[in-house]
N, C-alpha and C. Protein backbone atom coordinates (compact mmCIF):
# COMPACT_ATOMS: atom_id res chain seq x y z
N MET A 1 -6.64 -3.21 11.93
CA MET A 1 -4.75 -3.24 11.77
C MET A 1 -4.52 -3.97 13.02
N LYS A 2 -4.32 -5.86 12.99
CA LYS A 2 -3.63 -5.96 14.51
C LYS A 2 -2.09 -6.42 14.85
N VAL A 3 -1.88 -6.16 15.46
CA VAL A 3 0.01 -5.97 15.67
C VAL A 3 0.08 -7.07 16.65
N LEU A 4 0.72 -7.57 16.41
CA LEU A 4 1.71 -8.93 16.89
C LEU A 4 2.78 -9.23 17.55
N PHE A 5 3.00 -9.04 18.96
CA PHE A 5 4.37 -9.10 19.23
C PHE A 5 5.39 -10.57 19.91
N LYS A 6 6.43 -10.56 19.16
CA LYS A 6 7.64 -11.71 19.41
C LYS A 6 8.62 -11.28 19.88
N SER A 7 9.11 -12.52 21.38
CA SER A 7 10.45 -12.08 21.61
C SER A 7 10.70 -13.02 22.44
N ARG A 8 12.28 -13.05 23.33
CA ARG A 8 12.70 -14.53 24.06
C ARG A 8 12.64 -13.43 24.81
N GLU A 9 13.57 -12.38 24.70
CA GLU A 9 14.73 -12.07 25.55
C GLU A 9 13.47 -11.20 26.36
N PRO A 10 14.18 -11.19 27.96
CA PRO A 10 13.73 -10.69 28.65
C PRO A 10 13.28 -8.63 28.97
N GLU A 11 14.55 -8.19 28.29
CA GLU A 11 14.83 -6.76 28.15
C GLU A 11 13.09 -6.55 26.52
N ALA A 12 13.09 -7.04 25.44
CA ALA A 12 12.77 -7.02 25.04
C ALA A 12 11.70 -7.33 25.24
N ILE A 13 11.07 -7.71 25.89
CA ILE A 13 9.50 -8.01 26.51
C ILE A 13 9.29 -6.99 26.82
N ALA A 14 9.67 -6.32 27.67
CA ALA A 14 9.12 -4.86 28.48
C ALA A 14 9.22 -3.78 27.49
N MET A 15 9.74 -3.86 26.33
CA MET A 15 9.75 -2.98 24.80
C MET A 15 8.12 -3.61 24.07
N HIS A 16 7.07 -4.49 24.50
CA HIS A 16 6.45 -4.79 24.02
C HIS A 16 5.52 -3.41 24.04
N GLU A 17 4.97 -2.94 25.03
CA GLU A 17 4.11 -1.36 24.49
C GLU A 17 4.45 -0.27 23.96
N LEU A 18 5.69 -0.30 23.81
CA LEU A 18 6.08 0.62 22.65
C LEU A 18 5.99 0.73 21.38
N ALA A 19 6.66 -0.88 21.30
CA ALA A 19 6.84 -1.51 19.95
C ALA A 19 5.44 -1.18 18.88
N LYS A 20 4.02 -2.08 20.35
CA LYS A 20 2.95 -1.99 19.75
C LYS A 20 2.64 0.16 19.31
N ALA A 21 3.08 0.27 20.96
CA ALA A 21 2.09 2.33 19.88
C ALA A 21 2.69 2.41 19.15
N ARG A 22 4.36 2.55 18.50
CA ARG A 22 4.94 3.17 17.57
C ARG A 22 4.52 2.37 16.57
N SER A 23 4.11 1.16 16.63
CA SER A 23 3.78 0.63 14.89
C SER A 23 2.31 1.33 15.02
N GLU A 24 1.33 1.49 15.63
CA GLU A 24 -0.31 1.94 15.46
C GLU A 24 0.53 3.35 15.06
N PHE A 25 0.85 4.60 15.27
CA PHE A 25 1.42 5.78 15.29
C PHE A 25 2.19 5.56 13.70
N VAL A 26 3.01 4.49 13.57
CA VAL A 26 3.47 5.08 11.98
C VAL A 26 2.94 4.24 11.03
N PHE A 27 2.01 3.46 11.46
CA PHE A 27 0.83 2.78 9.91
C PHE A 27 -0.63 2.92 10.69
N ARG A 28 -0.38 4.68 11.37
CA ARG A 28 -2.33 5.08 10.96
C ARG A 28 -2.68 5.48 9.89
N ARG A 29 -2.00 5.95 8.52
CA ARG A 29 -2.24 6.14 7.92
C ARG A 29 -2.41 5.26 6.46
N LEU A 30 -1.84 3.90 7.07
CA LEU A 30 -2.01 2.85 5.94
C LEU A 30 -2.63 1.66 7.06
N ALA A 31 -3.68 2.21 7.81
CA ALA A 31 -3.95 0.60 8.41
C ALA A 31 -4.86 0.33 7.67
N TRP A 32 -5.52 0.16 7.14
CA TRP A 32 -6.87 0.45 6.08
C TRP A 32 -5.99 -0.93 5.13
N LEU A 33 -4.41 -0.66 4.52
CA LEU A 33 -4.45 -1.53 3.78
C LEU A 33 -3.49 -2.46 4.48
N ILE A 34 -3.26 -3.00 5.78
CA ILE A 34 -2.67 -3.57 6.61
C ILE A 34 -3.62 -4.78 7.30
N SER A 35 -3.49 -6.43 6.95
CA SER A 35 -4.42 -6.86 8.32
C SER A 35 -3.47 -7.47 9.28
N LYS A 36 -2.39 -7.09 9.80
CA LYS A 36 -1.58 -7.54 10.32
C LYS A 36 -0.73 -7.00 10.33
N ALA A 37 0.34 -6.81 11.91
CA ALA A 37 1.77 -6.52 11.50
C ALA A 37 2.53 -7.37 12.77
N THR A 38 4.23 -7.50 12.40
CA THR A 38 4.07 -9.14 13.19
C THR A 38 5.79 -7.83 13.18
N VAL A 39 5.85 -7.97 15.16
CA VAL A 39 6.93 -7.11 15.47
C VAL A 39 7.92 -8.31 16.20
N SER A 40 8.77 -8.40 15.56
CA SER A 40 10.23 -9.23 15.95
C SER A 40 11.27 -8.78 16.85
N LEU A 41 11.62 -9.20 18.26
CA LEU A 41 12.57 -8.71 18.39
C LEU A 41 13.52 -9.38 18.57
N SER A 42 14.62 -9.46 18.84
CA SER A 42 15.95 -10.76 18.94
C SER A 42 17.76 -9.92 19.28
N ASP A 43 18.25 -10.86 20.28
CA ASP A 43 19.46 -10.22 20.61
C ASP A 43 19.78 -11.37 20.09
N ILE A 44 20.95 -10.17 18.93
CA ILE A 44 21.58 -11.88 18.02
C ILE A 44 23.35 -12.50 18.59
N ASN A 45 23.64 -11.47 19.02
CA ASN A 45 24.67 -12.52 19.87
C ASN A 45 25.16 -11.72 21.29
N GLY A 46 23.78 -12.41 21.70
CA GLY A 46 23.40 -12.57 23.61
C GLY A 46 23.90 -11.09 24.36
N PRO A 47 24.78 -11.60 25.65
CA PRO A 47 24.25 -10.59 26.85
C PRO A 47 25.99 -9.42 26.05
N ARG A 48 26.50 -9.57 25.09
CA ARG A 48 27.86 -9.46 24.98
C ARG A 48 27.91 -7.93 24.76
N GLY A 49 27.03 -7.77 24.43
CA GLY A 49 26.54 -6.31 23.96
C GLY A 49 27.12 -5.64 22.15
N GLY A 50 27.11 -4.64 22.13
CA GLY A 50 27.77 -4.23 20.10
C GLY A 50 26.05 -3.90 19.41
N VAL A 51 26.42 -3.56 18.78
CA VAL A 51 25.20 -3.58 17.41
C VAL A 51 24.52 -4.70 16.93
N ASP A 52 23.54 -5.54 18.39
CA ASP A 52 23.28 -6.94 17.93
C ASP A 52 22.00 -6.38 18.29
N LYS A 53 21.17 -5.71 18.02
CA LYS A 53 19.06 -5.48 18.81
C LYS A 53 18.93 -5.74 16.99
N ARG A 54 18.44 -6.34 17.05
CA ARG A 54 17.71 -6.93 16.05
C ARG A 54 16.02 -6.84 16.15
N CYS A 55 15.57 -6.44 14.77
CA CYS A 55 14.02 -5.86 14.70
C CYS A 55 13.72 -6.68 13.55
N GLN A 56 12.63 -7.28 13.00
CA GLN A 56 11.77 -7.73 11.83
C GLN A 56 10.17 -7.29 12.02
N VAL A 57 9.77 -6.51 11.21
CA VAL A 57 8.83 -6.12 10.80
C VAL A 57 7.95 -6.87 9.95
N GLU A 58 6.85 -7.28 10.02
CA GLU A 58 6.28 -8.29 8.99
C GLU A 58 4.70 -7.74 8.73
N LEU A 59 4.53 -6.95 7.90
CA LEU A 59 3.16 -7.03 7.58
C LEU A 59 2.26 -7.73 6.51
N GLN A 60 1.43 -8.05 6.74
CA GLN A 60 0.06 -8.39 5.52
C GLN A 60 0.09 -7.71 5.30
N VAL A 61 -0.46 -7.71 4.02
CA VAL A 61 -0.78 -6.79 3.08
C VAL A 61 -2.77 -7.63 2.30
N SER A 62 -2.00 -8.50 1.99
CA SER A 62 -3.46 -9.13 1.81
C SER A 62 -3.06 -10.14 1.68
N ARG A 63 -3.71 -11.38 1.19
CA ARG A 63 -3.33 -12.77 1.81
C ARG A 63 -2.49 -13.89 1.05
N GLU A 64 -1.43 -13.16 -0.06
CA GLU A 64 -0.46 -13.52 -0.81
C GLU A 64 1.05 -12.93 -0.50
N ASN A 65 0.61 -11.19 -0.03
CA ASN A 65 1.17 -10.13 -0.51
C ASN A 65 2.13 -9.86 1.19
N LYS A 66 3.04 -9.88 1.48
CA LYS A 66 3.92 -9.35 2.84
C LYS A 66 4.79 -8.06 2.40
N VAL A 67 5.12 -7.63 3.90
CA VAL A 67 6.54 -6.38 3.12
C VAL A 67 6.64 -7.23 4.32
N VAL A 68 8.18 -6.77 4.62
CA VAL A 68 9.33 -7.79 5.74
C VAL A 68 10.26 -6.73 5.72
N ALA A 69 10.40 -6.01 6.51
CA ALA A 69 11.63 -5.07 7.04
C ALA A 69 12.54 -5.36 8.64
N THR A 70 13.69 -5.73 8.02
CA THR A 70 14.85 -5.54 9.15
C THR A 70 15.85 -4.52 9.23
N SER A 71 15.97 -4.43 10.65
CA SER A 71 16.54 -3.95 10.97
C SER A 71 17.54 -4.28 12.05
N ILE A 72 18.86 -3.76 12.01
CA ILE A 72 20.17 -4.42 13.75
C ILE A 72 20.47 -2.03 13.86
N ALA A 73 20.48 -2.43 15.40
CA ALA A 73 20.93 -1.43 16.06
C ALA A 73 21.46 -1.55 17.66
N ARG A 74 21.61 -0.67 17.91
CA ARG A 74 22.10 -0.70 19.29
C ARG A 74 21.59 -1.18 20.24
N ASP A 75 20.07 -0.42 20.04
CA ASP A 75 19.53 -0.04 21.49
C ASP A 75 18.15 -0.35 21.05
N TRP A 76 17.08 -1.05 21.91
CA TRP A 76 16.33 -1.84 20.81
C TRP A 76 15.11 -0.31 20.60
N ARG A 77 14.95 0.32 20.66
CA ARG A 77 14.20 1.64 20.46
C ARG A 77 14.72 1.82 18.95
N GLY A 78 16.16 1.96 18.72
CA GLY A 78 16.30 2.50 17.53
C GLY A 78 15.88 1.60 16.47
N ALA A 79 16.14 0.20 16.73
CA ALA A 79 16.04 -0.87 15.95
C ALA A 79 14.59 -0.99 15.62
N ILE A 80 13.31 -0.74 16.43
CA ILE A 80 12.10 -0.92 16.25
C ILE A 80 11.91 0.21 15.18
N ASP A 81 12.57 1.89 15.56
CA ASP A 81 11.75 2.58 15.01
C ASP A 81 12.41 2.86 13.03
N LEU A 82 13.41 2.25 13.30
CA LEU A 82 14.07 1.54 11.77
C LEU A 82 13.56 0.79 11.40
N ALA A 83 13.20 -0.34 11.58
CA ALA A 83 12.46 -1.24 10.78
C ALA A 83 11.43 -0.73 11.03
N LEU A 84 10.52 0.24 11.43
CA LEU A 84 9.80 0.40 11.37
C LEU A 84 8.84 1.93 9.73
N ALA A 85 10.19 2.62 10.03
CA ALA A 85 10.50 3.66 8.77
C ALA A 85 10.44 2.89 7.55
N ARG A 86 11.56 1.33 7.56
CA ARG A 86 11.17 1.37 6.44
C ARG A 86 10.83 0.09 6.08
N ALA A 87 9.55 -0.37 7.24
CA ALA A 87 8.51 -1.34 6.04
C ALA A 87 7.68 -0.37 5.83
N VAL A 88 7.25 1.02 6.50
CA VAL A 88 6.60 2.16 5.41
C VAL A 88 6.55 2.50 4.05
N ARG A 89 8.18 2.77 4.17
CA ARG A 89 9.15 3.38 2.73
C ARG A 89 8.55 2.51 1.95
N SER A 90 8.79 0.50 1.96
CA SER A 90 8.33 -0.28 1.52
C SER A 90 6.82 -0.27 1.09
N LEU A 91 6.37 -0.25 1.78
CA LEU A 91 4.77 -0.18 1.53
C LEU A 91 4.21 -0.06 0.49
N VAL A 92 4.85 1.72 1.13
CA VAL A 92 4.36 3.09 -0.01
C VAL A 92 4.49 3.15 -1.38
N ARG A 93 6.01 2.90 -1.39
CA ARG A 93 6.90 2.14 -2.76
C ARG A 93 6.03 1.19 -3.42
N ARG A 94 6.00 -0.06 -3.14
CA ARG A 94 4.84 -0.85 -3.18
C ARG A 94 3.87 -0.39 -3.87
N ARG A 95 2.88 0.06 -3.41
CA ARG A 95 1.56 0.88 -4.01
C ARG A 95 1.51 1.86 -4.76
N GLN A 96 2.59 2.78 -5.00
CA GLN A 96 3.12 3.41 -5.74
C GLN A 96 3.46 2.71 -7.04
N ASN A 97 3.97 1.86 -7.44
CA ASN A 97 4.27 0.84 -8.66
C ASN A 97 2.66 0.29 -8.90
N VAL A 98 2.36 -0.15 -8.26
CA VAL A 98 1.09 -0.46 -8.59
C VAL A 98 -0.18 0.63 -9.85
N LYS A 99 -0.24 -0.07 -11.14
CA LYS A 99 -0.88 1.03 -11.72
C LYS A 99 -2.79 0.69 -11.90
N PRO A 100 -3.07 1.78 -11.70
CA PRO A 100 -4.42 0.90 -11.49
C PRO A 100 -5.21 0.70 -12.94
N ALA A 101 -6.51 -0.52 -12.87
CA ALA A 101 -6.66 -0.52 -14.22
C ALA A 101 -7.93 0.39 -15.16
N ARG A 102 -7.11 1.05 -16.46
CA ARG A 102 -7.64 2.06 -16.51
C ARG A 102 -9.66 2.06 -17.45
N ARG A 103 -10.35 2.03 -16.97
CA ARG A 103 -11.61 1.79 -17.69
C ARG A 103 -11.86 2.34 -18.80
N VAL A 104 -12.09 2.31 -20.12
CA VAL A 104 -12.33 2.56 -21.22
C VAL A 104 -14.24 2.56 -21.53
N ARG A 105 -14.73 3.25 -21.81
CA ARG A 105 -15.86 3.41 -22.20
C ARG A 105 -15.89 2.66 -23.63
N ALA A 106 -17.25 2.32 -23.78
CA ALA A 106 -17.72 1.53 -24.67
C ALA A 106 -17.66 2.74 -25.78
N ARG A 107 -18.49 3.48 -25.71
CA ARG A 107 -19.09 4.38 -26.63
C ARG A 107 -17.69 5.71 -27.27
N SER A 108 -16.75 5.86 -26.12
CA SER A 108 -15.44 6.29 -27.05
C SER A 108 -14.34 5.23 -27.13
N LEU A 109 -14.22 4.36 -27.22
CA LEU A 109 -14.16 3.29 -27.70
C LEU A 109 -14.25 3.17 -29.16
N ALA A 110 -15.51 2.88 -29.35
CA ALA A 110 -16.28 2.96 -30.58
C ALA A 110 -15.92 3.98 -31.50
N TRP A 111 -16.14 5.12 -30.82
CA TRP A 111 -15.98 6.24 -31.68
C TRP A 111 -14.62 6.90 -32.57
N HIS A 112 -13.26 6.32 -31.43
CA HIS A 112 -12.12 6.03 -31.95
C HIS A 112 -12.24 5.42 -32.68
N PHE A 113 -12.73 4.23 -32.98
CA PHE A 113 -11.92 3.25 -34.48
C PHE A 113 -13.03 3.17 -35.11
N ALA A 114 -13.52 3.85 -35.60
CA ALA A 114 -15.02 3.88 -35.97
C ALA A 114 -15.60 5.00 -36.29
N PRO A 115 -14.92 6.24 -36.85
CA PRO A 115 -15.91 7.24 -37.02
C PRO A 115 -16.88 7.71 -37.95
N GLU A 116 -17.89 6.62 -38.27
CA GLU A 116 -18.20 6.71 -39.62
C GLU A 116 -20.16 7.63 -38.80
N PRO A 117 -20.55 7.84 -39.82
CA PRO A 117 -21.65 9.08 -39.61
C PRO A 117 -22.70 8.19 -39.08
N ALA A 118 -23.01 6.63 -39.48
CA ALA A 118 -24.20 5.78 -38.97
C ALA A 118 -23.88 5.44 -37.84
N LEU A 119 -22.36 5.20 -37.42
CA LEU A 119 -22.30 4.71 -35.94
C LEU A 119 -22.16 6.37 -34.71
N GLN A 120 -21.85 7.95 -35.79
CA GLN A 120 -22.55 8.76 -35.02
C GLN A 120 -23.82 8.65 -34.42
N GLU A 121 -24.51 8.49 -35.17
CA GLU A 121 -25.61 8.71 -35.07
C GLU A 121 -26.09 7.47 -33.48
N ALA A 122 -25.35 6.77 -33.94
CA ALA A 122 -26.13 5.52 -33.21
C ALA A 122 -25.38 6.07 -31.26
N ILE A 123 -24.11 6.65 -31.23
CA ILE A 123 -23.45 6.82 -30.18
C ILE A 123 -24.17 8.09 -29.65
N ASP A 124 -24.92 9.45 -30.61
CA ASP A 124 -25.62 10.74 -30.24
C ASP A 124 -26.27 11.05 -30.97
N PRO A 125 -28.01 10.45 -30.40
CA PRO A 125 -28.62 10.83 -31.80
C PRO A 125 -29.53 12.43 -31.73
N ARG A 126 -28.69 13.17 -30.91
CA ARG A 126 -29.20 14.09 -30.77
C ARG A 126 -28.19 14.70 -31.32
N GLU A 127 -27.48 14.37 -32.16
CA GLU A 127 -26.50 14.86 -33.03
C GLU A 127 -26.96 15.10 -34.70
N SER A 128 -27.42 13.95 -34.68
CA SER A 128 -27.98 13.97 -36.18
C SER A 128 -29.17 14.99 -36.14
N LEU A 129 -30.12 14.94 -35.02
CA LEU A 129 -31.66 15.71 -35.06
C LEU A 129 -31.33 17.41 -35.59
N MET A 130 -29.68 17.18 -34.30
CA MET A 130 -29.66 18.46 -34.36
C MET A 130 -28.84 19.10 -36.20
N ARG A 131 -28.07 18.39 -37.16
CA ARG A 131 -27.90 18.55 -37.91
C ARG A 131 -29.12 18.57 -39.19
N LYS A 132 -30.36 17.58 -39.24
CA LYS A 132 -30.61 17.83 -40.21
C LYS A 132 -31.75 18.69 -39.60
N THR A 133 -32.06 19.61 -38.85
CA THR A 133 -33.05 20.80 -38.45
C THR A 133 -32.19 21.80 -39.11
N PHE A 134 -31.03 21.98 -38.77
CA PHE A 134 -30.24 22.93 -39.58
C PHE A 134 -29.96 22.82 -40.47
N VAL A 135 -30.06 21.43 -41.49
CA VAL A 135 -30.03 22.04 -42.72
C VAL A 135 -31.80 22.42 -43.49
N HIS A 136 -32.05 21.71 -42.90
CA HIS A 136 -33.42 21.45 -43.50
C HIS A 136 -34.30 23.30 -43.35
N GLY A 137 -33.93 23.69 -42.20
CA GLY A 137 -34.64 24.88 -41.81
C GLY A 137 -33.97 26.32 -42.22
N THR A 138 -32.58 26.06 -43.21
CA THR A 138 -32.06 27.08 -43.81
C THR A 138 -32.63 27.12 -45.22
């Protein structure tokens, strides 16, 4: 997993190593699923202060699938942690909603649709031999 960092704010640039370390820690179990993570930090209303630190985390899962999580907090660390937590939750939820394709074996499929004696012999020839020896043996 490659972690990219984007920011134009001087204070936020100082948070580069923290953002990279936190994202690697948070995604450590899902790193095999993520090809690229982009962490973007921005200050919404400039030097006036307040709840205006924005962090956006974008995860590239496959070529066409992306997960984007955004958070706004009073400080950079809080915004980073909240956005990373939202991204993980979203990725896990999306992963749980995908149903794996269930493979059906041809023999069991044939058995359920047409349980005829000839078909049973074709599926398991040992069963017909056992039946013949048991009937003829008595």
